[in-house]
C-alpha atoms as a PDB file:
ATOM      1  CA  UNK A   1      29.640 -35.052 -58.379  1.00  0.00           C
ATOM      2  CA  UNK A   2      32.074 -33.140 -56.184  1.00  0.00           C
ATOM      3  CA  UNK A   3      32.336 -34.500 -52.594  1.00  0.00           C
ATOM      4  CA  UNK A   4      34.182 -33.528 -49.662  1.00  0.00           C
ATOM      5  CA  UNK A   5      35.157 -35.981 -47.239  1.00  0.00           C
ATOM      6  CA  UNK A   6      36.484 -33.916 -44.354  1.00  0.00           C
ATOM      7  CA  UNK A   7      34.047 -31.148 -43.080  1.00  0.00           C
ATOM      8  CA  UNK A   8      32.655 -30.321 -39.758  1.00  0.00           C
ATOM      9  CA  UNK A   9      29.693 -28.585 -37.821  1.00  0.00           C
ATOM     10  CA  UNK A  10      29.868 -27.696 -34.378  1.00  0.00           C
ATOM     11  CA  UNK A  11      32.298 -25.307 -32.419  1.00  0.00           C
ATOM     12  CA  UNK A  12      35.760 -25.935 -31.933  1.00  0.00           C
ATOM     13  CA  UNK A  13      36.921 -25.440 -28.443  1.00  0.00           C
ATOM     14  CA  UNK A  14      40.764 -23.908 -29.143  1.00  0.00           C
ATOM     15  CA  UNK A  15      39.789 -20.731 -31.442  1.00  0.00           C
ATOM     16  CA  UNK A  16      37.030 -18.797 -32.210  1.00  0.00           C
ATOM     17  CA  UNK A  17      35.605 -19.723 -35.919  1.00  0.00           C
ATOM     18  CA  UNK A  18      32.950 -17.592 -37.802  1.00  0.00           C
ATOM     19  CA  UNK A  19      30.296 -19.755 -38.601  1.00  0.00           C
ATOM     20  CA  UNK A  20      29.911 -23.763 -37.602  1.00  0.00           C
ATOM     21  CA  UNK A  21      26.469 -24.262 -38.667  1.00  0.00           C
ATOM     22  CA  UNK A  22      25.346 -26.309 -41.124  1.00  0.00           C
ATOM     23  CA  UNK A  23      23.685 -23.786 -43.161  1.00  0.00           C
ATOM     24  CA  UNK A  24      27.124 -21.577 -43.700  1.00  0.00           C
ATOM     25  CA  UNK A  25      28.660 -25.164 -44.811  1.00  0.00           C
ATOM     26  CA  UNK A  26      26.004 -25.636 -47.461  1.00  0.00           C
ATOM     27  CA  UNK A  27      26.598 -21.799 -48.391  1.00  0.00           C
ATOM     28  CA  UNK A  28      30.161 -22.563 -48.711  1.00  0.00           C
ATOM     29  CA  UNK A  29      29.555 -25.714 -50.628  1.00  0.00           C
ATOM     30  CA  UNK A  30      27.282 -23.754 -53.142  1.00  0.00           C
ATOM     31  CA  UNK A  31      29.900 -21.068 -53.606  1.00  0.00           C
ATOM     32  CA  UNK A  32      32.472 -23.726 -54.728  1.00  0.00           C
ATOM     33  CA  UNK A  33      30.603 -26.073 -56.377  1.00  0.00           C
ATOM     34  CA  UNK A  34      30.763 -29.026 -53.962  1.00  0.00           C
ATOM     35  CA  UNK A  35      27.510 -31.225 -53.947  1.00  0.00           C
ATOM     36  CA  UNK A  36      27.920 -33.790 -51.137  1.00  0.00           C
ATOM     37  CA  UNK A  37      30.068 -33.737 -47.871  1.00  0.00           C
ATOM     38  CA  UNK A  38      30.752 -36.077 -45.009  1.00  0.00           C
ATOM     39  CA  UNK A  39      30.107 -34.217 -41.544  1.00  0.00           C
ATOM     40  CA  UNK A  40      31.555 -35.111 -38.382  1.00  0.00           C
ATOM     41  CA  UNK A  41      30.787 -33.206 -35.237  1.00  0.00           C
ATOM     42  CA  UNK A  42      33.826 -31.199 -34.420  1.00  0.00           C
ATOM     43  CA  UNK A  43      33.504 -30.805 -30.330  1.00  0.00           C
ATOM     44  CA  UNK A  44      33.318 -34.772 -30.299  1.00  0.00           C
ATOM     45  CA  UNK A  45      37.192 -35.135 -30.456  1.00  0.00           C
ATOM     46  CA  UNK A  46      37.480 -34.183 -26.867  1.00  0.00           C
ATOM     47  CA  UNK A  47      34.134 -35.453 -25.286  1.00  0.00           C
ATOM     48  CA  UNK A  48      34.731 -38.069 -22.717  1.00  0.00           C
ATOM     49  CA  UNK A  49      31.666 -40.002 -24.498  1.00  0.00           C
ATOM     50  CA  UNK A  50      31.168 -39.030 -27.968  1.00  0.00           C
ATOM     51  CA  UNK A  51      27.785 -40.828 -28.516  1.00  0.00           C
ATOM     52  CA  UNK A  52      25.619 -37.606 -27.509  1.00  0.00           C
ATOM     53  CA  UNK A  53      27.350 -35.807 -30.502  1.00  0.00           C
ATOM     54  CA  UNK A  54      25.954 -38.084 -32.801  1.00  0.00           C
ATOM     55  CA  UNK A  55      22.169 -36.864 -32.112  1.00  0.00           C
ATOM     56  CA  UNK A  56      23.441 -33.627 -32.143  1.00  0.00           C
ATOM     57  CA  UNK A  57      25.156 -34.240 -35.511  1.00  0.00           C
ATOM     58  CA  UNK A  58      21.887 -35.652 -36.978  1.00  0.00           C
ATOM     59  CA  UNK A  59      19.948 -32.886 -35.809  1.00  0.00           C
ATOM     60  CA  UNK A  60      21.938 -30.053 -37.213  1.00  0.00           C
ATOM     61  CA  UNK A  61      22.363 -31.685 -40.442  1.00  0.00           C
ATOM     62  CA  UNK A  62      18.886 -33.609 -41.124  1.00  0.00           C
ATOM     63  CA  UNK A  63      17.443 -30.857 -42.946  1.00  0.00           C
ATOM     64  CA  UNK A  64      20.267 -31.399 -45.499  1.00  0.00           C
ATOM     65  CA  UNK A  65      20.359 -35.162 -45.685  1.00  0.00           C
ATOM     66  CA  UNK A  66      20.339 -34.681 -49.345  1.00  0.00           C
ATOM     67  CA  UNK A  67      23.439 -33.427 -49.422  1.00  0.00           C
ATOM     68  CA  UNK A  68      25.471 -34.162 -45.759  1.00  0.00           C
ATOM     69  CA  UNK A  69      25.921 -37.550 -45.026  1.00  0.00           C
ATOM     70  CA  UNK A  70      26.750 -37.992 -41.039  1.00  0.00           C
ATOM     71  CA  UNK A  71      30.024 -39.337 -40.048  1.00  0.00           C
ATOM     72  CA  UNK A  72      29.868 -39.901 -36.325  1.00  0.00           C
ATOM     73  CA  UNK A  73      32.649 -40.007 -33.814  1.00  0.00           C
ATOM     74  CA  UNK A  74      33.295 -43.438 -31.612  1.00  0.00           C
ATOM     75  CA  UNK A  75      35.464 -44.080 -29.063  1.00  0.00           C
ATOM     76  CA  UNK A  76      37.187 -47.598 -28.809  1.00  0.00           C
ATOM     77  CA  UNK A  77      37.748 -47.068 -25.379  1.00  0.00           C
ATOM     78  CA  UNK A  78      34.550 -47.213 -24.123  1.00  0.00           C
ATOM     79  CA  UNK A  79      32.523 -50.074 -23.222  1.00  0.00           C
ATOM     80  CA  UNK A  80      29.594 -48.632 -25.550  1.00  0.00           C
ATOM     81  CA  UNK A  81      31.882 -48.654 -28.563  1.00  0.00           C
ATOM     82  CA  UNK A  82      30.036 -51.488 -30.400  1.00  0.00           C
ATOM     83  CA  UNK A  83      26.414 -49.920 -29.366  1.00  0.00           C
ATOM     84  CA  UNK A  84      27.930 -46.494 -30.993  1.00  0.00           C
ATOM     85  CA  UNK A  85      28.951 -48.384 -34.175  1.00  0.00           C
ATOM     86  CA  UNK A  86      25.611 -50.108 -34.765  1.00  0.00           C
ATOM     87  CA  UNK A  87      23.917 -47.089 -34.449  1.00  0.00           C
ATOM     88  CA  UNK A  88      26.441 -45.331 -37.122  1.00  0.00           C
ATOM     89  CA  UNK A  89      25.265 -48.096 -39.378  1.00  0.00           C
ATOM     90  CA  UNK A  90      21.799 -47.872 -38.534  1.00  0.00           C
ATOM     91  CA  UNK A  91      21.684 -44.263 -40.104  1.00  0.00           C
ATOM     92  CA  UNK A  92      23.721 -45.244 -42.985  1.00  0.00           C
ATOM     93  CA  UNK A  93      26.834 -43.294 -41.961  1.00  0.00           C
ATOM     94  CA  UNK A  94      29.528 -43.907 -44.818  1.00  0.00           C
ATOM     95  CA  UNK A  95      32.215 -44.006 -42.079  1.00  0.00           C
ATOM     96  CA  UNK A  96      32.937 -43.242 -38.519  1.00  0.00           C
ATOM     97  CA  UNK A  97      35.371 -41.138 -36.947  1.00  0.00           C
ATOM     98  CA  UNK A  98      38.341 -42.019 -34.263  1.00  0.00           C
ATOM     99  CA  UNK A  99      40.588 -39.839 -32.856  1.00  0.00           C
ATOM    100  CA  UNK A 100      43.061 -42.140 -30.842  1.00  0.00           C
ATOM    101  CA  UNK A 101      45.796 -39.780 -29.709  1.00  0.00           C
ATOM    102  CA  UNK A 102      42.901 -37.389 -28.218  1.00  0.00           C
ATOM    103  CA  UNK A 103      41.119 -40.514 -26.634  1.00  0.00           C
ATOM    104  CA  UNK A 104      44.155 -41.870 -25.302  1.00  0.00           C
ATOM    105  CA  UNK A 105      44.228 -45.016 -26.379  1.00  0.00           C
ATOM    106  CA  UNK A 106      46.872 -46.848 -28.410  1.00  0.00           C
ATOM    107  CA  UNK A 107      46.802 -45.966 -32.041  1.00  0.00           C
ATOM    108  CA  UNK A 108      47.426 -49.568 -33.073  1.00  0.00           C
ATOM    109  CA  UNK A 109      46.327 -51.327 -29.847  1.00  0.00           C
ATOM    110  CA  UNK A 110      43.829 -53.949 -29.071  1.00  0.00           C
ATOM    111  CA  UNK A 111      41.297 -51.663 -28.692  1.00  0.00           C
ATOM    112  CA  UNK A 112      41.483 -50.022 -32.221  1.00  0.00           C
ATOM    113  CA  UNK A 113      42.089 -53.517 -34.033  1.00  0.00           C
ATOM    114  CA  UNK A 114      38.819 -54.680 -32.656  1.00  0.00           C
ATOM    115  CA  UNK A 115      36.751 -51.379 -33.699  1.00  0.00           C
ATOM    116  CA  UNK A 116      38.803 -51.805 -37.184  1.00  0.00           C
ATOM    117  CA  UNK A 117      37.721 -55.221 -37.922  1.00  0.00           C
ATOM    118  CA  UNK A 118      34.238 -54.452 -36.466  1.00  0.00           C
ATOM    119  CA  UNK A 119      33.760 -51.449 -38.852  1.00  0.00           C
ATOM    120  CA  UNK A 120      34.996 -53.743 -41.571  1.00  0.00           C
ATOM    121  CA  UNK A 121      32.555 -56.246 -41.047  1.00  0.00           C
ATOM    122  CA  UNK A 122      29.842 -54.021 -41.070  1.00  0.00           C
ATOM    123  CA  UNK A 123      30.995 -52.620 -44.343  1.00  0.00           C
ATOM    124  CA  UNK A 124      31.526 -48.773 -42.441  1.00  0.00           C
ATOM    125  CA  UNK A 125      34.962 -47.009 -43.385  1.00  0.00           C
ATOM    126  CA  UNK A 126      36.993 -45.269 -40.772  1.00  0.00           C
ATOM    127  CA  UNK A 127      38.156 -41.803 -40.950  1.00  0.00           C
ATOM    128  CA  UNK A 128      41.776 -40.723 -38.950  1.00  0.00           C
ATOM    129  CA  UNK A 129      42.686 -37.277 -38.549  1.00  0.00           C
ATOM    130  CA  UNK A 130      46.406 -36.911 -38.503  1.00  0.00           C
ATOM    131  CA  UNK A 131      46.122 -33.624 -36.889  1.00  0.00           C
ATOM    132  CA  UNK A 132      43.788 -30.585 -36.518  1.00  0.00           C
ATOM    133  CA  UNK A 133      46.232 -27.835 -36.515  1.00  0.00           C
ATOM    134  CA  UNK A 134      50.336 -27.565 -37.325  1.00  0.00           C
ATOM    135  CA  UNK A 135      51.757 -27.651 -33.717  1.00  0.00           C
ATOM    136  CA  UNK A 136      53.030 -24.387 -33.802  1.00  0.00           C
ATOM    137  CA  UNK A 137      49.227 -23.024 -33.624  1.00  0.00           C
ATOM    138  CA  UNK A 138      47.877 -25.198 -31.239  1.00  0.00           C
ATOM    139  CA  UNK A 139      46.744 -24.036 -27.837  1.00  0.00           C
ATOM    140  CA  UNK A 140      48.626 -24.773 -24.855  1.00  0.00           C
ATOM    141  CA  UNK A 141      45.933 -27.336 -23.564  1.00  0.00           C
ATOM    142  CA  UNK A 142      45.769 -29.278 -26.656  1.00  0.00           C
ATOM    143  CA  UNK A 143      48.863 -31.822 -26.218  1.00  0.00           C
ATOM    144  CA  UNK A 144      47.926 -34.330 -28.164  1.00  0.00           C
ATOM    145  CA  UNK A 145      50.115 -35.643 -30.352  1.00  0.00           C
ATOM    146  CA  UNK A 146      50.030 -36.150 -34.748  1.00  0.00           C
ATOM    147  CA  UNK A 147      48.645 -39.570 -35.574  1.00  0.00           C
ATOM    148  CA  UNK A 148      51.768 -41.796 -36.270  1.00  0.00           C
ATOM    149  CA  UNK A 149      52.478 -43.197 -39.711  1.00  0.00           C
ATOM    150  CA  UNK A 150      53.319 -46.672 -38.377  1.00  0.00           C
ATOM    151  CA  UNK A 151      49.823 -46.806 -36.741  1.00  0.00           C
ATOM    152  CA  UNK A 152      48.167 -46.354 -40.346  1.00  0.00           C
ATOM    153  CA  UNK A 153      50.384 -48.930 -41.771  1.00  0.00           C
ATOM    154  CA  UNK A 154      49.077 -51.420 -38.725  1.00  0.00           C
ATOM    155  CA  UNK A 155      45.560 -50.579 -39.135  1.00  0.00           C
ATOM    156  CA  UNK A 156      45.703 -51.116 -42.745  1.00  0.00           C
ATOM    157  CA  UNK A 157      47.045 -54.640 -42.182  1.00  0.00           C
ATOM    158  CA  UNK A 158      44.446 -56.152 -39.814  1.00  0.00           C
ATOM    159  CA  UNK A 159      41.717 -56.993 -42.153  1.00  0.00           C
ATOM    160  CA  UNK A 160      41.487 -57.475 -45.825  1.00  0.00           C
ATOM    161  CA  UNK A 161      37.981 -55.634 -45.474  1.00  0.00           C
ATOM    162  CA  UNK A 162      39.279 -52.309 -43.942  1.00  0.00           C
ATOM    163  CA  UNK A 163      38.293 -49.190 -45.278  1.00  0.00           C
ATOM    164  CA  UNK A 164      40.835 -46.540 -44.005  1.00  0.00           C
ATOM    165  CA  UNK A 165      40.285 -42.808 -44.702  1.00  0.00           C
ATOM    166  CA  UNK A 166      43.258 -40.655 -43.558  1.00  0.00           C
ATOM    167  CA  UNK A 167      42.691 -36.664 -43.595  1.00  0.00           C
ATOM    168  CA  UNK A 168      45.107 -34.095 -42.712  1.00  0.00           C
ATOM    169  CA  UNK A 169      48.100 -35.890 -43.771  1.00  0.00           C
ATOM    170  CA  UNK A 170      51.293 -34.246 -45.576  1.00  0.00           C
ATOM    171  CA  UNK A 171      53.510 -35.609 -48.048  1.00  0.00           C
ATOM    172  CA  UNK A 172      55.874 -37.432 -45.890  1.00  0.00           C
ATOM    173  CA  UNK A 173      53.287 -38.993 -43.859  1.00  0.00           C
ATOM    174  CA  UNK A 174      51.316 -40.285 -47.151  1.00  0.00           C
ATOM    175  CA  UNK A 175      54.963 -41.531 -48.523  1.00  0.00           C
ATOM    176  CA  UNK A 176      55.907 -42.937 -45.473  1.00  0.00           C
ATOM    177  CA  UNK A 177      52.368 -45.234 -45.270  1.00  0.00           C
ATOM    178  CA  UNK A 178      52.007 -45.603 -48.870  1.00  0.00           C
ATOM    179  CA  UNK A 179      55.647 -47.020 -49.475  1.00  0.00           C
ATOM    180  CA  UNK A 180      55.552 -49.428 -46.745  1.00  0.00           C
ATOM    181  CA  UNK A 181      52.323 -51.349 -47.799  1.00  0.00           C
ATOM    182  CA  UNK A 182      51.648 -54.211 -50.377  1.00  0.00           C
ATOM    183  CA  UNK A 183      49.878 -53.269 -53.279  1.00  0.00           C
ATOM    184  CA  UNK A 184      46.651 -54.680 -51.684  1.00  0.00           C
ATOM    185  CA  UNK A 185      47.047 -52.830 -48.448  1.00  0.00           C
ATOM    186  CA  UNK A 186      47.776 -49.665 -50.264  1.00  0.00           C
ATOM    187  CA  UNK A 187      43.775 -49.896 -51.934  1.00  0.00           C
ATOM    188  CA  UNK A 188      42.600 -50.338 -48.508  1.00  0.00           C
ATOM    189  CA  UNK A 189      43.777 -46.549 -47.605  1.00  0.00           C
ATOM    190  CA  UNK A 190      42.296 -43.496 -49.161  1.00  0.00           C
ATOM    191  CA  UNK A 191      43.973 -39.779 -48.578  1.00  0.00           C
ATOM    192  CA  UNK A 192      42.180 -36.636 -48.638  1.00  0.00           C
ATOM    193  CA  UNK A 193      44.308 -33.215 -50.013  1.00  0.00           C
ATOM    194  CA  UNK A 194      43.745 -31.019 -47.221  1.00  0.00           C
ATOM    195  CA  UNK A 195      47.093 -30.835 -45.830  1.00  0.00           C
ATOM    196  CA  UNK A 196      49.079 -30.971 -49.089  1.00  0.00           C
ATOM    197  CA  UNK A 197      50.850 -28.191 -50.134  1.00  0.00           C
ATOM    198  CA  UNK A 198      50.291 -26.479 -53.824  1.00  0.00           C
ATOM    199  CA  UNK A 199      53.187 -24.635 -55.578  1.00  0.00           C
ATOM    200  CA  UNK A 200      56.301 -24.292 -55.466  1.00  0.00           C
ATOM    201  CA  UNK A 201      56.395 -27.590 -53.813  1.00  0.00           C
ATOM    202  CA  UNK A 202      53.342 -28.933 -55.507  1.00  0.00           C
ATOM    203  CA  UNK A 203      52.972 -32.028 -53.242  1.00  0.00           C
ATOM    204  CA  UNK A 204      49.911 -33.086 -54.611  1.00  0.00           C
ATOM    205  CA  UNK A 205      50.975 -33.022 -58.251  1.00  0.00           C
ATOM    206  CA  UNK A 206      54.090 -35.222 -56.854  1.00  0.00           C
ATOM    207  CA  UNK A 207      52.019 -37.662 -55.292  1.00  0.00           C
ATOM    208  CA  UNK A 208      49.851 -38.051 -58.113  1.00  0.00           C
ATOM    209  CA  UNK A 209      52.747 -39.233 -60.331  1.00  0.00           C
ATOM    210  CA  UNK A 210      54.355 -41.145 -57.459  1.00  0.00           C
ATOM    211  CA  UNK A 211      51.345 -43.482 -55.974  1.00  0.00           C
ATOM    212  CA  UNK A 212      48.422 -42.283 -58.674  1.00  0.00           C
ATOM    213  CA  UNK A 213      45.843 -40.211 -58.559  1.00  0.00           C
ATOM    214  CA  UNK A 214      43.564 -42.937 -57.596  1.00  0.00           C
ATOM    215  CA  UNK A 215      44.564 -42.794 -53.792  1.00  0.00           C
ATOM    216  CA  UNK A 216      43.120 -39.264 -53.240  1.00  0.00           C
ATOM    217  CA  UNK A 217      40.099 -37.622 -52.218  1.00  0.00           C
ATOM    218  CA  UNK A 218      38.961 -33.993 -51.860  1.00  0.00           C
ATOM    219  CA  UNK A 219      39.088 -32.816 -48.462  1.00  0.00           C
ATOM    220  CA  UNK A 220      38.496 -29.240 -47.577  1.00  0.00           C
ATOM    221  CA  UNK A 221      38.416 -29.288 -43.508  1.00  0.00           C
ATOM    222  CA  UNK A 222      35.677 -26.863 -43.345  1.00  0.00           C
ATOM    223  CA  UNK A 223      34.941 -24.602 -41.253  1.00  0.00           C
ATOM    224  CA  UNK A 224      38.548 -25.083 -39.556  1.00  0.00           C
ATOM    225  CA  UNK A 225      40.355 -24.321 -43.256  1.00  0.00           C
ATOM    226  CA  UNK A 226      39.103 -22.257 -46.060  1.00  0.00           C
ATOM    227  CA  UNK A 227      37.757 -24.848 -49.134  1.00  0.00           C
ATOM    228  CA  UNK A 228      39.447 -22.568 -51.618  1.00  0.00           C
ATOM    229  CA  UNK A 229      42.699 -23.693 -50.848  1.00  0.00           C
ATOM    230  CA  UNK A 230      41.944 -27.485 -51.598  1.00  0.00           C
ATOM    231  CA  UNK A 231      40.179 -26.426 -54.963  1.00  0.00           C
ATOM    232  CA  UNK A 232      43.288 -24.205 -55.533  1.00  0.00           C
ATOM    233  CA  UNK A 233      45.518 -27.202 -55.191  1.00  0.00           C
ATOM    234  CA  UNK A 234      43.433 -29.047 -57.930  1.00  0.00           C
ATOM    235  CA  UNK A 235      43.482 -25.843 -60.399  1.00  0.00           C
ATOM    236  CA  UNK A 236      47.615 -25.515 -59.905  1.00  0.00           C
ATOM    237  CA  UNK A 237      48.597 -29.083 -59.955  1.00  0.00           C
ATOM    238  CA  UNK A 238      48.251 -29.720 -63.811  1.00  0.00           C
ATOM    239  CA  UNK A 239      46.116 -32.524 -63.563  1.00  0.00           C
ATOM    240  CA  UNK A 240      44.737 -34.358 -66.027  1.00  0.00           C
ATOM    241  CA  UNK A 241      40.562 -34.027 -66.404  1.00  0.00           C
ATOM    242  CA  UNK A 242      40.326 -37.790 -65.918  1.00  0.00           C
ATOM    243  CA  UNK A 243      42.745 -37.346 -62.601  1.00  0.00           C
ATOM    244  CA  UNK A 244      40.865 -34.075 -61.299  1.00  0.00           C
ATOM    245  CA  UNK A 245      37.425 -35.861 -61.595  1.00  0.00           C
ATOM    246  CA  UNK A 246      38.732 -38.981 -59.930  1.00  0.00           C
ATOM    247  CA  UNK A 247      39.875 -36.810 -56.975  1.00  0.00           C
ATOM    248  CA  UNK A 248      36.880 -34.713 -56.675  1.00  0.00           C
ATOM    249  CA  UNK A 249      34.354 -37.987 -56.339  1.00  0.00           C
ATOM    250  CA  UNK A 250      35.072 -40.760 -58.445  1.00  0.00           C
ATOM    251  CA  UNK A 251      37.667 -42.522 -56.617  1.00  0.00           C
ATOM    252  CA  UNK A 252      35.535 -42.031 -53.309  1.00  0.00           C
ATOM    253  CA  UNK A 253      32.552 -43.902 -54.790  1.00  0.00           C
ATOM    254  CA  UNK A 254      34.972 -46.769 -56.247  1.00  0.00           C
ATOM    255  CA  UNK A 255      36.662 -47.395 -53.073  1.00  0.00           C
ATOM    256  CA  UNK A 256      33.841 -47.568 -51.200  1.00  0.00           C
ATOM    257  CA  UNK A 257      32.578 -50.197 -53.192  1.00  0.00           C
ATOM    258  CA  UNK A 258      35.290 -52.402 -53.901  1.00  0.00           C
END
């Protein structure tokens, strides 16, 4: 079962998107053969309090609950962060999204660390996004910097039960984090393929050879990006059938159970 770990519903504040509805997402999934998706509420990354966005997310995707799983946003800097995490657990969210660079908190500071530890204790993964757009394409009001690789390394070390899914990371970022961790710490981090280049650089193929296919999951970034790009990378990366199946869903299911 092909599973996409990086999708959204809701509008993007910095540019117009053709359709950000759950129905459009389902249509693109049907067109490209994706069976299930983890879905965030896109506007939440800029909300001072992202909690109301969780209710809106559920409203939008609940008619498709058999295929779409909610990944609500939590703000570690708010006094209500624990309540928001508990709500995510109660609705059986597989993960929560945190945007430390847009939420103006230290990406490896005390607020992040306590939230990561609480999520680990609750059995919920944490999803971090390195960037939404290349710095050259951003709106002048989007001043948040990319998530630093050093923060991901630090967060992977704070608890043995941490599960950290990192999306929109490039090859250099992934290598900097992965080779700075112990084998046990490396198993706590899963990477999506949204920001990896295909041929001629073939970043995905190179990384599969150097760090193994088991560290990757399919992520398309819909509706900010078209899903065909991620699937084309799989087609062109000369992966074995086993490696491709692993990236399309088996790695994610194994990682969640470990």
